[in-house]
């Protein structure tokens, strides 16, 4: 899933304070590169308002606007993030859960996602070991097994 920014009509901005439009544009720029969690956007906007005249209430208003436009959706972010991580950088459910919590996703959303969508950890473990097996070839079988177990544990 790729979240894309669409062209907005002037009507989309009518309910937003005119003073907040530059802050909203900063948020659009931040969202342009990849999907973001609500916490990531909030942290970004709070960092921007420290050196300007905007307030936290203004940032919250911008976040509400972005949610209304469906540009911030933590459920969609979880789906996108897990698919990216399992295809590009194979990681298990435990490590994915930790990363999602660090990004500010609610534990309930993570549990709901993994209860509906399972991660095939056996296949992921095989992919991880397949990439690194050549490094273990020269070791004796006991060391090879220990290294393989540590590698699998490292990637969740």
N, C-alpha and C. Protein backbone atom coordinates (compact mmCIF):
# COMPACT_ATOMS: atom_id res chain seq x y z
N UNK A 1 0.84 -1.17 0.00
CA UNK A 1 0.00 0.00 0.00
C UNK A 1 0.89 1.24 0.00
N UNK A 2 0.58 2.13 -0.85
CA UNK A 2 1.33 3.39 -0.90
C UNK A 2 0.33 4.49 -0.61
N UNK A 3 0.59 5.25 0.42
CA UNK A 3 -0.24 6.40 0.71
C UNK A 3 0.25 7.54 -0.15
N UNK A 4 -0.65 8.15 -0.86
CA UNK A 4 -0.23 9.24 -1.72
C UNK A 4 -1.00 10.50 -1.37
N UNK A 5 -0.34 11.60 -1.57
CA UNK A 5 -0.99 12.88 -1.34
C UNK A 5 -1.78 13.24 -2.58
N UNK A 6 -2.97 13.72 -2.36
CA UNK A 6 -3.79 14.13 -3.50
C UNK A 6 -3.87 15.65 -3.53
N UNK A 7 -4.33 16.17 -4.63
CA UNK A 7 -4.51 17.61 -4.73
C UNK A 7 -5.78 17.98 -3.96
N UNK A 8 -5.67 18.95 -3.12
CA UNK A 8 -6.80 19.33 -2.29
C UNK A 8 -7.46 20.58 -2.84
N UNK A 9 -8.77 20.63 -2.70
CA UNK A 9 -9.53 21.80 -3.09
C UNK A 9 -9.38 22.86 -2.01
N UNK A 10 -9.72 24.07 -2.38
CA UNK A 10 -9.71 25.16 -1.42
C UNK A 10 -10.68 24.87 -0.29
N UNK A 11 -11.74 24.12 -0.59
CA UNK A 11 -12.74 23.78 0.42
C UNK A 11 -12.14 22.91 1.53
N UNK A 12 -11.10 22.15 1.22
CA UNK A 12 -10.47 21.31 2.24
C UNK A 12 -9.84 22.14 3.35
N UNK A 13 -9.52 23.38 3.07
CA UNK A 13 -8.84 24.22 4.04
C UNK A 13 -9.76 25.23 4.71
N UNK A 14 -11.02 25.26 4.33
CA UNK A 14 -11.93 26.28 4.85
C UNK A 14 -12.12 26.18 6.36
N UNK A 15 -12.13 24.97 6.91
CA UNK A 15 -12.36 24.83 8.34
C UNK A 15 -11.07 24.95 9.16
N UNK A 16 -9.96 25.18 8.50
CA UNK A 16 -8.67 25.30 9.18
C UNK A 16 -8.28 26.77 9.30
N UNK A 17 -7.78 27.13 10.44
CA UNK A 17 -7.30 28.49 10.67
C UNK A 17 -6.25 28.83 9.61
N UNK A 18 -6.39 29.98 8.98
CA UNK A 18 -5.48 30.38 7.90
C UNK A 18 -4.02 30.42 8.35
N UNK A 19 -3.81 30.73 9.60
CA UNK A 19 -2.46 30.79 10.15
C UNK A 19 -1.79 29.40 10.19
N UNK A 20 -2.59 28.33 10.20
CA UNK A 20 -2.05 26.97 10.31
C UNK A 20 -1.71 26.33 8.97
N UNK A 21 -2.06 26.96 7.87
CA UNK A 21 -1.80 26.37 6.55
C UNK A 21 -0.30 26.12 6.32
N UNK A 22 0.61 27.02 6.71
CA UNK A 22 2.03 26.69 6.55
C UNK A 22 2.47 25.47 7.38
N UNK A 23 1.89 25.31 8.56
CA UNK A 23 2.20 24.14 9.38
C UNK A 23 1.65 22.87 8.73
N UNK A 24 0.48 22.97 8.14
CA UNK A 24 -0.10 21.84 7.42
C UNK A 24 0.78 21.47 6.22
N UNK A 25 1.31 22.47 5.54
CA UNK A 25 2.21 22.20 4.41
C UNK A 25 3.49 21.49 4.87
N UNK A 26 3.99 21.85 6.05
CA UNK A 26 5.15 21.15 6.59
C UNK A 26 4.81 19.67 6.84
N UNK A 27 3.61 19.43 7.34
CA UNK A 27 3.18 18.05 7.59
C UNK A 27 3.05 17.29 6.27
N UNK A 28 2.49 17.94 5.24
CA UNK A 28 2.39 17.28 3.92
C UNK A 28 3.78 16.90 3.41
N UNK A 29 4.73 17.81 3.58
CA UNK A 29 6.10 17.53 3.13
C UNK A 29 6.67 16.32 3.87
N UNK A 30 6.43 16.25 5.16
CA UNK A 30 6.92 15.15 5.99
C UNK A 30 6.29 13.82 5.57
N UNK A 31 5.02 13.86 5.18
CA UNK A 31 4.30 12.65 4.77
C UNK A 31 4.61 12.23 3.34
N UNK A 32 5.28 13.08 2.62
CA UNK A 32 5.53 12.85 1.20
C UNK A 32 6.45 11.65 0.95
N UNK A 33 7.34 11.35 1.88
CA UNK A 33 8.38 10.35 1.63
C UNK A 33 7.97 8.93 1.98
N UNK A 34 7.18 8.76 3.03
CA UNK A 34 6.70 7.44 3.42
C UNK A 34 5.53 7.63 4.39
N UNK A 35 4.72 6.60 4.58
CA UNK A 35 3.65 6.72 5.58
C UNK A 35 4.24 6.95 6.97
N UNK A 36 3.51 7.63 7.81
CA UNK A 36 3.97 7.94 9.17
C UNK A 36 2.88 7.61 10.18
N UNK A 37 3.31 7.36 11.40
CA UNK A 37 2.35 7.15 12.48
C UNK A 37 1.90 8.52 13.00
N UNK A 38 0.82 8.50 13.74
CA UNK A 38 0.34 9.74 14.33
C UNK A 38 1.40 10.32 15.28
N UNK A 39 2.06 9.46 16.03
CA UNK A 39 3.11 9.91 16.96
C UNK A 39 4.27 10.55 16.20
N UNK A 40 4.68 9.96 15.09
CA UNK A 40 5.79 10.52 14.31
C UNK A 40 5.43 11.92 13.81
N UNK A 41 4.20 12.08 13.32
CA UNK A 41 3.77 13.39 12.81
C UNK A 41 3.67 14.38 13.97
N UNK A 42 3.11 13.93 15.09
CA UNK A 42 2.98 14.82 16.25
C UNK A 42 4.37 15.29 16.72
N UNK A 43 5.31 14.36 16.84
CA UNK A 43 6.66 14.73 17.27
C UNK A 43 7.30 15.71 16.29
N UNK A 44 7.10 15.47 15.00
CA UNK A 44 7.65 16.36 13.96
C UNK A 44 7.06 17.77 14.08
N UNK A 45 5.74 17.84 14.23
CA UNK A 45 5.09 19.15 14.32
C UNK A 45 5.48 19.86 15.62
N UNK A 46 5.56 19.13 16.71
CA UNK A 46 5.97 19.75 17.98
C UNK A 46 7.38 20.32 17.87
N UNK A 47 8.24 19.61 17.15
CA UNK A 47 9.60 20.10 16.94
C UNK A 47 9.57 21.40 16.12
N UNK A 48 8.69 21.45 15.12
CA UNK A 48 8.59 22.64 14.27
C UNK A 48 8.02 23.83 15.02
N UNK A 49 7.07 23.59 15.93
CA UNK A 49 6.43 24.73 16.60
C UNK A 49 7.29 25.32 17.72
N UNK A 50 8.34 24.62 18.12
CA UNK A 50 9.22 25.15 19.17
C UNK A 50 9.83 26.49 18.78
N UNK A 51 10.16 26.64 17.51
CA UNK A 51 10.85 27.85 17.06
C UNK A 51 9.92 28.82 16.34
N UNK A 52 8.63 28.58 16.41
CA UNK A 52 7.68 29.45 15.71
C UNK A 52 6.58 29.92 16.66
N UNK A 53 5.62 30.59 16.11
CA UNK A 53 4.52 31.15 16.91
C UNK A 53 3.35 30.18 17.07
N UNK A 54 3.39 29.02 16.43
CA UNK A 54 2.28 28.08 16.53
C UNK A 54 2.27 27.41 17.90
N UNK A 55 1.10 26.90 18.27
CA UNK A 55 0.96 26.24 19.57
C UNK A 55 0.69 24.75 19.37
N UNK A 56 0.70 24.02 20.48
CA UNK A 56 0.39 22.58 20.42
C UNK A 56 -1.05 22.36 19.97
N UNK A 57 -1.94 23.28 20.35
CA UNK A 57 -3.33 23.17 19.89
C UNK A 57 -3.40 23.26 18.38
N UNK A 58 -2.58 24.13 17.80
CA UNK A 58 -2.52 24.25 16.34
C UNK A 58 -2.02 22.97 15.71
N UNK A 59 -1.01 22.36 16.32
CA UNK A 59 -0.48 21.09 15.80
C UNK A 59 -1.54 20.00 15.88
N UNK A 60 -2.30 19.99 16.97
CA UNK A 60 -3.36 18.98 17.12
C UNK A 60 -4.46 19.20 16.08
N UNK A 61 -4.73 20.46 15.77
CA UNK A 61 -5.72 20.77 14.74
C UNK A 61 -5.24 20.27 13.37
N UNK A 62 -3.97 20.44 13.08
CA UNK A 62 -3.38 19.95 11.83
C UNK A 62 -3.45 18.43 11.78
N UNK A 63 -3.15 17.77 12.89
CA UNK A 63 -3.21 16.30 12.94
C UNK A 63 -4.64 15.83 12.69
N UNK A 64 -5.61 16.52 13.29
CA UNK A 64 -7.01 16.16 13.06
C UNK A 64 -7.36 16.29 11.58
N UNK A 65 -6.87 17.36 10.96
CA UNK A 65 -7.12 17.57 9.53
C UNK A 65 -6.50 16.45 8.70
N UNK A 66 -5.29 16.05 9.04
CA UNK A 66 -4.62 14.97 8.30
C UNK A 66 -5.35 13.64 8.48
N UNK A 67 -5.90 13.43 9.67
CA UNK A 67 -6.69 12.20 9.89
C UNK A 67 -7.97 12.23 9.06
N UNK A 68 -8.61 13.40 9.01
CA UNK A 68 -9.83 13.54 8.21
C UNK A 68 -9.54 13.27 6.73
N UNK A 69 -8.37 13.64 6.28
CA UNK A 69 -7.97 13.42 4.89
C UNK A 69 -7.38 12.03 4.68
N UNK A 70 -7.37 11.23 5.74
CA UNK A 70 -6.86 9.85 5.72
C UNK A 70 -5.38 9.77 5.33
N UNK A 71 -4.62 10.77 5.70
CA UNK A 71 -3.18 10.75 5.45
C UNK A 71 -2.42 10.19 6.65
N UNK A 72 -3.09 10.16 7.79
CA UNK A 72 -2.52 9.51 8.98
C UNK A 72 -3.52 8.43 9.39
N UNK A 73 -3.06 7.20 9.39
CA UNK A 73 -3.90 6.08 9.81
C UNK A 73 -2.96 5.00 10.35
N UNK A 74 -2.97 4.83 11.66
CA UNK A 74 -2.04 3.88 12.28
C UNK A 74 -2.29 2.44 11.85
N UNK A 75 -3.55 2.09 11.58
CA UNK A 75 -3.85 0.72 11.12
C UNK A 75 -3.19 0.46 9.76
N UNK A 76 -3.34 1.40 8.86
CA UNK A 76 -2.72 1.26 7.54
C UNK A 76 -1.20 1.26 7.66
N UNK A 77 -0.70 2.06 8.58
CA UNK A 77 0.75 2.10 8.78
C UNK A 77 1.28 0.75 9.24
N UNK A 78 0.59 0.11 10.18
CA UNK A 78 1.03 -1.20 10.68
C UNK A 78 1.08 -2.19 9.53
N UNK A 79 0.05 -2.20 8.70
CA UNK A 79 0.02 -3.12 7.56
C UNK A 79 1.19 -2.84 6.61
N UNK A 80 1.40 -1.59 6.28
CA UNK A 80 2.50 -1.21 5.38
C UNK A 80 3.85 -1.58 5.99
N UNK A 81 4.03 -1.25 7.25
CA UNK A 81 5.31 -1.47 7.92
C UNK A 81 5.66 -2.96 7.99
N UNK A 82 4.70 -3.78 8.37
CA UNK A 82 4.96 -5.22 8.49
C UNK A 82 5.29 -5.81 7.12
N UNK A 83 4.54 -5.40 6.10
CA UNK A 83 4.84 -5.93 4.76
C UNK A 83 6.23 -5.50 4.29
N UNK A 84 6.60 -4.26 4.56
CA UNK A 84 7.94 -3.79 4.19
C UNK A 84 9.03 -4.57 4.91
N UNK A 85 8.84 -4.75 6.20
CA UNK A 85 9.86 -5.42 7.00
C UNK A 85 9.97 -6.91 6.67
N UNK A 86 8.88 -7.55 6.34
CA UNK A 86 8.97 -8.99 6.07
C UNK A 86 9.51 -9.26 4.68
N UNK A 87 9.41 -8.30 3.76
CA UNK A 87 9.95 -8.53 2.42
C UNK A 87 11.37 -7.99 2.27
N UNK A 88 11.63 -6.80 2.80
CA UNK A 88 12.95 -6.18 2.61
C UNK A 88 13.97 -6.59 3.66
N UNK A 89 13.57 -6.56 4.90
CA UNK A 89 14.46 -6.91 6.01
C UNK A 89 13.74 -7.93 6.87
N UNK A 90 13.85 -9.20 6.55
CA UNK A 90 13.07 -10.21 7.28
C UNK A 90 13.27 -10.13 8.79
N UNK A 91 12.16 -9.97 9.49
CA UNK A 91 12.18 -9.91 10.95
C UNK A 91 10.95 -10.63 11.47
N UNK A 92 11.08 -11.21 12.64
CA UNK A 92 9.98 -11.94 13.25
C UNK A 92 8.99 -11.02 13.94
N UNK A 93 7.90 -11.63 14.39
CA UNK A 93 6.81 -10.88 15.00
C UNK A 93 7.26 -10.15 16.27
N UNK A 94 8.09 -10.77 17.06
CA UNK A 94 8.55 -10.15 18.30
C UNK A 94 9.31 -8.85 18.02
N UNK A 95 10.21 -8.87 17.07
CA UNK A 95 11.00 -7.68 16.73
C UNK A 95 10.12 -6.62 16.05
N UNK A 96 9.20 -7.06 15.20
CA UNK A 96 8.27 -6.12 14.55
C UNK A 96 7.42 -5.41 15.59
N UNK A 97 6.95 -6.18 16.57
CA UNK A 97 6.13 -5.59 17.64
C UNK A 97 6.92 -4.53 18.39
N UNK A 98 8.16 -4.82 18.70
CA UNK A 98 9.01 -3.86 19.42
C UNK A 98 9.20 -2.58 18.59
N UNK A 99 9.46 -2.74 17.30
CA UNK A 99 9.66 -1.57 16.44
C UNK A 99 8.39 -0.74 16.32
N UNK A 100 7.24 -1.40 16.21
CA UNK A 100 5.97 -0.68 16.11
C UNK A 100 5.67 0.08 17.40
N UNK A 101 5.96 -0.53 18.54
CA UNK A 101 5.76 0.17 19.81
C UNK A 101 6.65 1.40 19.89
N UNK A 102 7.87 1.31 19.39
CA UNK A 102 8.78 2.45 19.39
C UNK A 102 8.26 3.57 18.49
N UNK A 103 7.51 3.22 17.47
CA UNK A 103 6.97 4.23 16.56
C UNK A 103 5.66 4.82 17.07
N UNK A 104 5.22 4.37 18.25
CA UNK A 104 4.04 4.96 18.87
C UNK A 104 2.73 4.28 18.53
N UNK A 105 2.77 3.08 18.02
CA UNK A 105 1.55 2.35 17.70
C UNK A 105 1.00 1.74 18.99
N UNK A 106 -0.31 1.83 19.18
CA UNK A 106 -0.95 1.28 20.38
C UNK A 106 -0.82 -0.25 20.39
N UNK A 107 -0.53 -0.83 21.55
CA UNK A 107 -0.39 -2.30 21.64
C UNK A 107 -1.63 -3.05 21.14
N UNK A 108 -2.81 -2.47 21.34
CA UNK A 108 -4.05 -3.13 20.89
C UNK A 108 -4.08 -3.25 19.36
N UNK A 109 -3.63 -2.20 18.67
CA UNK A 109 -3.58 -2.24 17.21
C UNK A 109 -2.62 -3.32 16.72
N UNK A 110 -1.49 -3.44 17.40
CA UNK A 110 -0.50 -4.44 17.01
C UNK A 110 -1.06 -5.84 17.23
N UNK A 111 -1.67 -6.06 18.40
CA UNK A 111 -2.27 -7.37 18.69
C UNK A 111 -3.35 -7.71 17.68
N UNK A 112 -4.21 -6.74 17.37
CA UNK A 112 -5.27 -6.98 16.39
C UNK A 112 -4.69 -7.36 15.04
N UNK A 113 -3.65 -6.66 14.62
CA UNK A 113 -3.05 -6.95 13.32
C UNK A 113 -2.50 -8.37 13.28
N UNK A 114 -1.72 -8.74 14.29
CA UNK A 114 -1.09 -10.06 14.28
C UNK A 114 -2.08 -11.18 14.55
N UNK A 115 -3.23 -10.87 15.16
CA UNK A 115 -4.24 -11.92 15.33
C UNK A 115 -4.93 -12.21 14.00
N UNK A 116 -5.02 -11.21 13.14
CA UNK A 116 -5.64 -11.39 11.82
C UNK A 116 -4.64 -11.81 10.75
N UNK A 117 -3.40 -11.38 10.87
CA UNK A 117 -2.36 -11.66 9.87
C UNK A 117 -1.16 -12.29 10.56
N UNK A 118 -0.92 -13.52 10.25
CA UNK A 118 0.23 -14.18 10.88
C UNK A 118 1.48 -13.97 10.04
N UNK A 119 2.61 -13.92 10.71
CA UNK A 119 3.90 -13.82 10.05
C UNK A 119 4.49 -15.22 10.03
N UNK A 120 4.85 -15.70 8.85
CA UNK A 120 5.42 -17.04 8.71
C UNK A 120 6.87 -16.99 9.17
N UNK A 121 7.06 -17.20 10.46
CA UNK A 121 8.39 -17.06 11.04
C UNK A 121 9.35 -18.15 10.60
N UNK A 122 8.82 -19.32 10.28
CA UNK A 122 9.68 -20.41 9.81
C UNK A 122 10.33 -20.04 8.48
N UNK A 123 9.53 -19.50 7.57
CA UNK A 123 10.05 -19.07 6.27
C UNK A 123 11.05 -17.93 6.45
N UNK A 124 10.71 -16.98 7.33
CA UNK A 124 11.63 -15.85 7.58
C UNK A 124 12.96 -16.35 8.14
N UNK A 125 12.90 -17.29 9.07
CA UNK A 125 14.14 -17.84 9.64
C UNK A 125 14.97 -18.51 8.56
N UNK A 126 14.31 -19.23 7.67
CA UNK A 126 15.02 -19.89 6.58
C UNK A 126 15.69 -18.85 5.67
N UNK A 127 14.97 -17.77 5.35
CA UNK A 127 15.53 -16.71 4.50
C UNK A 127 16.75 -16.06 5.16
N UNK A 128 16.65 -15.81 6.45
CA UNK A 128 17.75 -15.18 7.17
C UNK A 128 18.98 -16.08 7.16
N UNK A 129 18.76 -17.36 7.46
CA UNK A 129 19.90 -18.30 7.49
C UNK A 129 20.48 -18.54 6.11
N UNK A 130 19.62 -18.55 5.11
CA UNK A 130 20.09 -18.78 3.74
C UNK A 130 21.09 -17.69 3.33
N UNK A 131 20.81 -16.45 3.71
CA UNK A 131 21.69 -15.34 3.36
C UNK A 131 23.03 -15.41 4.09
N UNK A 132 23.01 -15.96 5.30
CA UNK A 132 24.21 -15.92 6.14
C UNK A 132 24.93 -17.26 6.28
N UNK A 133 24.39 -18.30 5.68
CA UNK A 133 24.93 -19.65 5.87
C UNK A 133 26.38 -19.77 5.40
N UNK A 134 26.74 -19.07 4.35
CA UNK A 134 28.11 -19.18 3.83
C UNK A 134 29.15 -18.74 4.87
N UNK A 135 28.77 -17.86 5.77
CA UNK A 135 29.68 -17.41 6.83
C UNK A 135 29.94 -18.51 7.86
N UNK A 136 28.98 -19.43 7.98
CA UNK A 136 29.07 -20.47 9.00
C UNK A 136 29.70 -21.76 8.49
N UNK A 137 29.92 -21.87 7.19
CA UNK A 137 30.39 -23.14 6.60
C UNK A 137 31.71 -23.64 7.19
N UNK A 138 32.61 -22.74 7.48
CA UNK A 138 33.94 -23.16 7.95
C UNK A 138 33.95 -23.59 9.42
N UNK A 139 32.87 -23.34 10.14
CA UNK A 139 32.81 -23.69 11.56
C UNK A 139 32.42 -25.15 11.76
N UNK A 140 32.78 -25.69 12.93
CA UNK A 140 32.34 -27.06 13.21
C UNK A 140 30.83 -27.03 13.49
N UNK A 141 30.19 -28.18 13.50
CA UNK A 141 28.73 -28.24 13.54
C UNK A 141 28.15 -27.60 14.81
N UNK A 142 28.79 -27.76 15.95
CA UNK A 142 28.27 -27.17 17.19
C UNK A 142 28.31 -25.64 17.11
N UNK A 143 29.43 -25.07 16.67
CA UNK A 143 29.56 -23.62 16.53
C UNK A 143 28.59 -23.09 15.48
N UNK A 144 28.44 -23.84 14.39
CA UNK A 144 27.53 -23.45 13.31
C UNK A 144 26.11 -23.35 13.86
N UNK A 145 25.71 -24.35 14.65
CA UNK A 145 24.38 -24.35 15.24
C UNK A 145 24.20 -23.16 16.18
N UNK A 146 25.20 -22.88 17.02
CA UNK A 146 25.12 -21.75 17.96
C UNK A 146 24.99 -20.43 17.21
N UNK A 147 25.80 -20.24 16.17
CA UNK A 147 25.75 -19.00 15.38
C UNK A 147 24.39 -18.86 14.70
N UNK A 148 23.88 -19.96 14.15
CA UNK A 148 22.58 -19.92 13.48
C UNK A 148 21.49 -19.55 14.47
N UNK A 149 21.52 -20.13 15.67
CA UNK A 149 20.52 -19.83 16.69
C UNK A 149 20.59 -18.36 17.11
N UNK A 150 21.79 -17.84 17.29
CA UNK A 150 21.96 -16.43 17.66
C UNK A 150 21.45 -15.51 16.55
N UNK A 151 21.72 -15.89 15.31
CA UNK A 151 21.28 -15.08 14.18
C UNK A 151 19.76 -15.03 14.11
N UNK A 152 19.13 -16.18 14.26
CA UNK A 152 17.66 -16.22 14.22
C UNK A 152 17.09 -15.41 15.38
N UNK A 153 17.68 -15.55 16.56
CA UNK A 153 17.20 -14.81 17.73
C UNK A 153 17.36 -13.30 17.52
N UNK A 154 18.43 -12.90 16.89
CA UNK A 154 18.71 -11.48 16.64
C UNK A 154 17.63 -10.84 15.77
N UNK A 155 17.10 -11.59 14.81
CA UNK A 155 16.10 -11.05 13.89
C UNK A 155 14.68 -11.33 14.34
N UNK A 156 14.52 -11.71 15.58
CA UNK A 156 13.19 -11.85 16.16
C UNK A 156 12.52 -13.14 15.80
